[in-house]
């Protein structure tokens, strides 16, 4: 290697190291602010569960906490990349044109997983079929569309996905391969939900009652990491469509309302089992996409 080549390699290494440290600072800032502020908003509801009344609007504060990931992502993007960079990130929400097969993946993967999990749990221990949503949908099928819109806007996706997939994931993909990036986002995503296991009237609280808090936290984290991997693949295949992530997230939540077996022990174990099988198949079929070095991922952030 010539002196010129060595100097060029050294300069590139310095630039890459500086870039990595800058990205790490951005991510630490985002994750810290998101968790701290969300947990702060959720504190009155958490204390109320333990008979400590702060006389604050708990339900409203829970909603604010639910939207914190997306709000923090927009604010940080506005600070670091300005108005143009923020608009570019927000454009991902209206990126609705992508291949039909990935729309099928978006809309039907999680309902199919829940259906298969129910079939397994039925034959394993005769679990009775329950559904919170079928009684709402069947009288008037057209209500399915506003119902899914409600799940997108009010049940998590809109409040979270600009943060997890619009801000954090693209930055992680500049340093890590998609598999590692998915695990990191999924782990933080699960951690962010942890206080809800101690707030009454949340699905996480019900899961904790069913399995015990410790087992519920482990199972929920495992589930969330696998869900994160599924969404990462979708983001790569749709060129960074945040709309795709919003819709997939909504369908995941919708599926649990459609086939309500999560708080049944056999049902919950069956869901995890089918999720493991599904993610194993995804890793097998899309190994190249998920194990690419970060420099070769086609979809890049701003």
Protein backbone atom coordinates (compact mmCIF):
# COMPACT_ATOMS: atom_id res chain seq x y z
CA UNK A 1 0.00 0.00 0.00
CA UNK A 2 1.42 3.42 -1.01
CA UNK A 3 1.73 6.40 1.33
CA UNK A 4 -1.19 8.04 -0.54
CA UNK A 5 -3.37 4.96 -0.05
CA UNK A 6 -2.50 4.78 3.65
CA UNK A 7 -3.35 8.45 4.12
CA UNK A 8 -6.66 8.03 2.28
CA UNK A 9 -7.54 4.98 4.35
CA UNK A 10 -6.67 6.87 7.56
CA UNK A 11 -8.82 9.86 6.57
CA UNK A 12 -11.75 7.60 5.68
CA UNK A 13 -11.41 5.80 9.02
CA UNK A 14 -11.40 9.10 10.92
CA UNK A 15 -14.49 10.30 9.03
CA UNK A 16 -16.29 6.98 9.60
CA UNK A 17 -15.46 7.04 13.33
CA UNK A 18 -16.65 10.64 13.65
CA UNK A 19 -19.86 9.80 11.78
CA UNK A 20 -20.50 6.78 14.01
CA UNK A 21 -20.00 8.81 17.20
CA UNK A 22 -22.33 11.52 15.88
CA UNK A 23 -25.04 8.94 15.12
CA UNK A 24 -24.58 7.33 18.54
CA UNK A 25 -25.07 10.72 20.23
CA UNK A 26 -28.24 11.34 18.22
CA UNK A 27 -29.64 7.93 19.13
CA UNK A 28 -28.74 8.22 22.83
CA UNK A 29 -30.42 11.63 22.90
CA UNK A 30 -33.54 10.30 21.17
CA UNK A 31 -33.87 7.14 23.28
CA UNK A 32 -33.19 8.99 26.55
CA UNK A 33 -35.64 11.84 25.90
CA UNK A 34 -38.33 9.48 24.62
CA UNK A 35 -38.16 7.12 27.59
CA UNK A 36 -37.78 9.86 30.20
CA UNK A 37 -40.65 12.04 28.94
CA UNK A 38 -43.01 9.13 28.22
CA UNK A 39 -42.42 7.63 31.65
CA UNK A 40 -42.89 11.09 33.19
CA UNK A 41 -46.28 11.45 31.47
CA UNK A 42 -47.24 7.95 32.63
CA UNK A 43 -46.18 8.49 36.26
CA UNK A 44 -49.54 9.82 37.57
CA UNK A 45 -51.37 6.76 36.18
CA UNK A 46 -48.65 4.50 37.60
CA UNK A 47 -48.95 6.08 41.05
CA UNK A 48 -52.74 5.94 40.92
CA UNK A 49 -52.49 2.16 40.49
CA UNK A 50 -50.77 2.14 43.88
CA UNK A 51 -53.43 4.40 45.48
CA UNK A 52 -51.34 7.58 45.21
CA UNK A 53 -53.55 10.29 43.70
CA UNK A 54 -51.91 13.36 42.10
CA UNK A 55 -55.23 14.75 40.80
CA UNK A 56 -53.91 15.03 37.25
CA UNK A 57 -55.67 13.93 34.01
CA UNK A 58 -54.09 10.46 33.86
CA UNK A 59 -55.77 9.34 30.63
CA UNK A 60 -54.74 12.51 28.78
CA UNK A 61 -51.16 12.21 30.04
CA UNK A 62 -51.04 8.57 28.93
CA UNK A 63 -52.03 9.72 25.42
CA UNK A 64 -49.27 12.36 25.47
CA UNK A 65 -46.78 9.69 26.53
CA UNK A 66 -47.96 7.41 23.72
CA UNK A 67 -47.12 10.10 21.13
CA UNK A 68 -43.75 11.04 22.60
CA UNK A 69 -41.53 8.90 20.28
CA UNK A 70 -42.89 10.56 17.14
CA UNK A 71 -42.92 14.06 18.65
CA UNK A 72 -39.32 13.79 19.89
CA UNK A 73 -38.25 12.44 16.48
CA UNK A 74 -39.80 15.43 14.68
CA UNK A 75 -38.29 17.95 17.12
CA UNK A 76 -34.77 16.44 16.95
CA UNK A 77 -34.93 16.19 13.15
CA UNK A 78 -36.01 19.83 12.97
CA UNK A 79 -33.08 20.84 15.20
CA UNK A 80 -30.42 18.77 13.41
CA UNK A 81 -31.62 18.71 9.78
CA UNK A 82 -33.86 21.73 9.63
CA UNK A 83 -37.18 22.19 7.89
CA UNK A 84 -36.16 20.39 4.68
CA UNK A 85 -34.87 17.32 6.52
CA UNK A 86 -38.04 17.17 8.63
CA UNK A 87 -40.24 17.36 5.54
CA UNK A 88 -38.23 14.55 3.95
CA UNK A 89 -38.79 12.35 7.00
CA UNK A 90 -42.51 13.16 7.10
CA UNK A 91 -42.84 12.27 3.42
CA UNK A 92 -42.39 8.64 4.50
CA UNK A 93 -45.93 8.78 5.94
CA UNK A 94 -47.42 9.41 2.49
CA UNK A 95 -45.17 6.91 0.71
CA UNK A 96 -48.09 4.57 -0.01
CA UNK A 97 -47.02 3.24 -3.40
CA UNK A 98 -45.09 0.00 -3.14
CA UNK A 99 -45.23 -3.54 -4.47
CA UNK A 100 -48.54 -5.39 -3.97
CA UNK A 101 -46.82 -8.41 -2.39
CA UNK A 102 -45.52 -6.17 0.40
CA UNK A 103 -49.03 -4.79 0.94
CA UNK A 104 -50.15 -8.41 1.38
CA UNK A 105 -47.29 -8.87 3.87
CA UNK A 106 -48.32 -5.65 5.66
CA UNK A 107 -51.99 -6.48 5.93
CA UNK A 108 -52.09 -10.24 6.41
CA UNK A 109 -48.90 -11.50 8.09
CA UNK A 110 -49.95 -10.76 11.67
CA UNK A 111 -53.58 -11.88 11.24
CA UNK A 112 -52.26 -15.16 9.79
CA UNK A 113 -49.83 -15.55 12.71
CA UNK A 114 -52.64 -15.01 15.24
CA UNK A 115 -54.93 -17.41 13.36
CA UNK A 116 -52.29 -20.16 13.33
CA UNK A 117 -51.53 -19.51 17.00
CA UNK A 118 -55.21 -19.92 17.85
CA UNK A 119 -55.43 -23.20 15.89
CA UNK A 120 -52.41 -24.55 17.80
CA UNK A 121 -53.80 -23.45 21.17
CA UNK A 122 -57.22 -24.92 20.35
CA UNK A 123 -55.80 -28.37 19.56
CA UNK A 124 -53.33 -28.15 22.46
CA UNK A 125 -55.83 -27.33 25.22
CA UNK A 126 -59.19 -26.48 23.68
CA UNK A 127 -58.83 -22.72 24.03
CA UNK A 128 -62.18 -21.04 23.41
CA UNK A 129 -62.26 -18.52 20.55
CA UNK A 130 -62.68 -14.94 21.74
CA UNK A 131 -62.70 -11.69 19.80
CA UNK A 132 -63.15 -8.12 20.96
CA UNK A 133 -63.60 -6.80 17.42
CA UNK A 134 -65.69 -9.32 15.44
CA UNK A 135 -68.92 -8.18 17.12
CA UNK A 136 -68.07 -4.64 15.99
CA UNK A 137 -67.16 -5.57 12.40
CA UNK A 138 -69.72 -8.20 11.40
CA UNK A 139 -72.95 -6.17 11.60
CA UNK A 140 -71.48 -3.59 9.18
CA UNK A 141 -68.30 -4.71 7.39
CA UNK A 142 -67.57 -1.18 6.14
CA UNK A 143 -66.64 -0.26 9.73
CA UNK A 144 -63.43 -2.25 9.20
CA UNK A 145 -61.80 0.71 7.41
CA UNK A 146 -62.44 3.43 10.03
CA UNK A 147 -61.53 0.85 12.68
CA UNK A 148 -58.11 0.25 11.12
CA UNK A 149 -57.68 4.03 10.76
CA UNK A 150 -58.44 4.33 14.48
CA UNK A 151 -55.77 1.72 15.23
CA UNK A 152 -53.25 3.64 13.08
CA UNK A 153 -53.94 7.01 14.72
CA UNK A 154 -54.89 6.26 18.31
CA UNK A 155 -53.57 2.79 19.20
CA UNK A 156 -49.83 3.38 18.94
CA UNK A 157 -48.52 3.48 15.34
CA UNK A 158 -48.80 7.21 14.59
CA UNK A 159 -47.45 8.14 18.00
CA UNK A 160 -44.49 5.77 17.76
CA UNK A 161 -43.38 4.92 14.23
CA UNK A 162 -41.90 8.30 13.27
CA UNK A 163 -39.61 7.68 16.22
CA UNK A 164 -38.77 3.96 16.00
CA UNK A 165 -38.73 3.56 12.21
CA UNK A 166 -38.57 7.17 10.96
CA UNK A 167 -35.71 8.34 13.19
CA UNK A 168 -33.93 5.53 15.06
CA UNK A 169 -33.87 2.72 12.49
CA UNK A 170 -32.36 4.70 9.58
CA UNK A 171 -29.56 5.93 11.83
CA UNK A 172 -28.86 2.46 13.18
CA UNK A 173 -28.70 1.15 9.62
CA UNK A 174 -25.77 3.49 8.97
CA UNK A 175 -23.75 1.60 11.57
CA UNK A 176 -25.27 -1.88 11.94
CA UNK A 177 -26.74 -4.47 9.62
CA UNK A 178 -30.57 -4.69 9.57
CA UNK A 179 -30.71 -7.68 11.94
CA UNK A 180 -28.68 -5.94 14.67
CA UNK A 181 -30.55 -2.67 14.10
CA UNK A 182 -33.86 -4.51 14.51
CA UNK A 183 -32.77 -6.06 17.80
CA UNK A 184 -31.68 -2.68 19.20
CA UNK A 185 -34.89 -0.90 18.16
CA UNK A 186 -37.00 -3.81 19.37
CA UNK A 187 -35.31 -3.93 22.77
CA UNK A 188 -35.72 -0.19 23.35
CA UNK A 189 -39.28 -0.35 22.02
CA UNK A 190 -40.10 -3.06 24.57
CA UNK A 191 -38.32 -1.19 27.41
CA UNK A 192 -40.35 1.93 26.59
CA UNK A 193 -43.56 -0.08 27.29
CA UNK A 194 -42.42 -1.48 30.65
CA UNK A 195 -44.25 1.02 32.95
CA UNK A 196 -47.54 -0.03 31.34
CA UNK A 197 -47.17 -3.43 32.98
CA UNK A 198 -47.92 -1.60 36.25
CA UNK A 199 -50.70 0.68 34.98
CA UNK A 200 -54.20 -0.76 35.26
CA UNK A 201 -56.48 -0.92 32.20
CA UNK A 202 -53.59 -1.54 29.78
CA UNK A 203 -53.06 -4.73 27.78
CA UNK A 204 -49.58 -4.98 29.28
CA UNK A 205 -51.07 -4.98 32.81
CA UNK A 206 -53.42 -7.83 31.80
CA UNK A 207 -50.46 -9.79 30.37
CA UNK A 208 -48.60 -9.30 33.65
CA UNK A 209 -51.56 -10.66 35.62
CA UNK A 210 -51.74 -13.72 33.36
CA UNK A 211 -48.08 -14.74 33.29
CA UNK A 212 -46.51 -12.89 36.20
CA UNK A 213 -44.67 -9.62 35.62
CA UNK A 214 -41.18 -11.08 35.19
CA UNK A 215 -42.24 -13.71 32.64
CA UNK A 216 -44.46 -11.15 30.90
CA UNK A 217 -41.58 -8.68 30.53
CA UNK A 218 -39.32 -11.35 29.02
CA UNK A 219 -42.00 -12.67 26.67
CA UNK A 220 -43.07 -9.18 25.63
CA UNK A 221 -39.48 -8.15 24.87
CA UNK A 222 -38.93 -11.29 22.80
CA UNK A 223 -42.19 -10.66 20.89
CA UNK A 224 -41.35 -6.99 20.28
CA UNK A 225 -37.87 -7.75 18.96
CA UNK A 226 -39.33 -10.25 16.48
CA UNK A 227 -41.99 -7.73 15.44
CA UNK A 228 -39.22 -5.17 14.97
CA UNK A 229 -37.39 -7.52 12.59
CA UNK A 230 -40.56 -7.98 10.51
CA UNK A 231 -41.02 -4.21 10.21
CA UNK A 232 -37.35 -3.62 9.36
CA UNK A 233 -37.62 -6.00 6.41
CA UNK A 234 -40.77 -4.17 5.31
CA UNK A 235 -39.03 -0.80 5.55
CA UNK A 236 -36.11 -2.03 3.43
CA UNK A 237 -38.40 -3.57 0.81
CA UNK A 238 -40.59 -0.45 0.54
CA UNK A 239 -37.70 2.01 0.41
CA UNK A 240 -38.33 3.44 3.87
CA UNK A 241 -42.12 3.80 3.76
CA UNK A 242 -43.21 4.92 7.22
CA UNK A 243 -46.77 4.38 6.02
CA UNK A 244 -45.95 0.67 5.65
CA UNK A 245 -44.62 0.57 9.23
CA UNK A 246 -47.70 2.42 10.52
CA UNK A 247 -50.04 -0.02 8.78
CA UNK A 248 -48.10 -3.13 9.84
CA UNK A 249 -48.01 -1.95 13.47
CA UNK A 250 -51.74 -1.19 13.33
CA UNK A 251 -52.51 -4.63 11.88
CA UNK A 252 -50.43 -6.27 14.61
CA UNK A 253 -52.49 -4.54 17.30
CA UNK A 254 -55.72 -5.10 15.35
CA UNK A 255 -54.97 -8.82 15.09
CA UNK A 256 -54.89 -9.17 18.87
CA UNK A 257 -58.32 -7.58 19.03
CA UNK A 258 -59.58 -9.82 16.25
CA UNK A 259 -58.26 -13.03 17.83
CA UNK A 260 -58.05 -12.32 21.55
CA UNK A 261 -55.93 -15.13 22.99
CA UNK A 262 -52.96 -13.15 24.32
CA UNK A 263 -54.11 -13.29 27.94
CA UNK A 264 -54.69 -17.04 27.75
CA UNK A 265 -51.53 -18.91 28.81
CA UNK A 266 -51.66 -21.48 26.01
CA UNK A 267 -52.62 -18.77 23.54
CA UNK A 268 -49.71 -16.53 24.51
CA UNK A 269 -47.19 -19.37 24.28
CA UNK A 270 -48.63 -20.32 20.87
CA UNK A 271 -48.21 -16.73 19.63
CA UNK A 272 -44.54 -16.70 20.65
CA UNK A 273 -44.02 -20.11 19.03
CA UNK A 274 -45.55 -19.01 15.71
CA UNK A 275 -43.61 -15.73 15.84
CA UNK A 276 -40.35 -17.68 16.29
CA UNK A 277 -41.21 -19.91 13.31
CA UNK A 278 -42.20 -16.89 11.21
CA UNK A 279 -39.05 -14.89 11.96
CA UNK A 280 -36.91 -17.97 11.30
CA UNK A 281 -38.51 -18.32 7.86
CA UNK A 282 -38.03 -14.60 7.20
CA UNK A 283 -34.36 -14.85 8.17
CA UNK A 284 -33.96 -17.83 5.86
CA UNK A 285 -35.74 -16.27 2.88
CA UNK A 286 -34.32 -12.75 3.25
CA UNK A 287 -30.91 -13.52 4.69
CA UNK A 288 -29.16 -11.23 2.21
CA UNK A 289 -31.42 -8.28 3.05
CA UNK A 290 -31.15 -8.66 6.81
CA UNK A 291 -27.46 -9.50 7.08
CA UNK A 292 -26.15 -6.91 4.63
CA UNK A 293 -23.37 -4.71 5.91
CA UNK A 294 -24.69 -1.24 6.73
CA UNK A 295 -22.91 0.31 3.74
CA UNK A 296 -24.89 -1.87 1.30
CA UNK A 297 -28.42 -1.19 2.57
CA UNK A 298 -30.19 0.55 -0.31
CA UNK A 299 -32.57 2.57 1.85
CA UNK A 300 -30.74 5.41 3.56
CA UNK A 301 -31.75 8.16 5.94
CA UNK A 302 -31.58 11.87 5.12
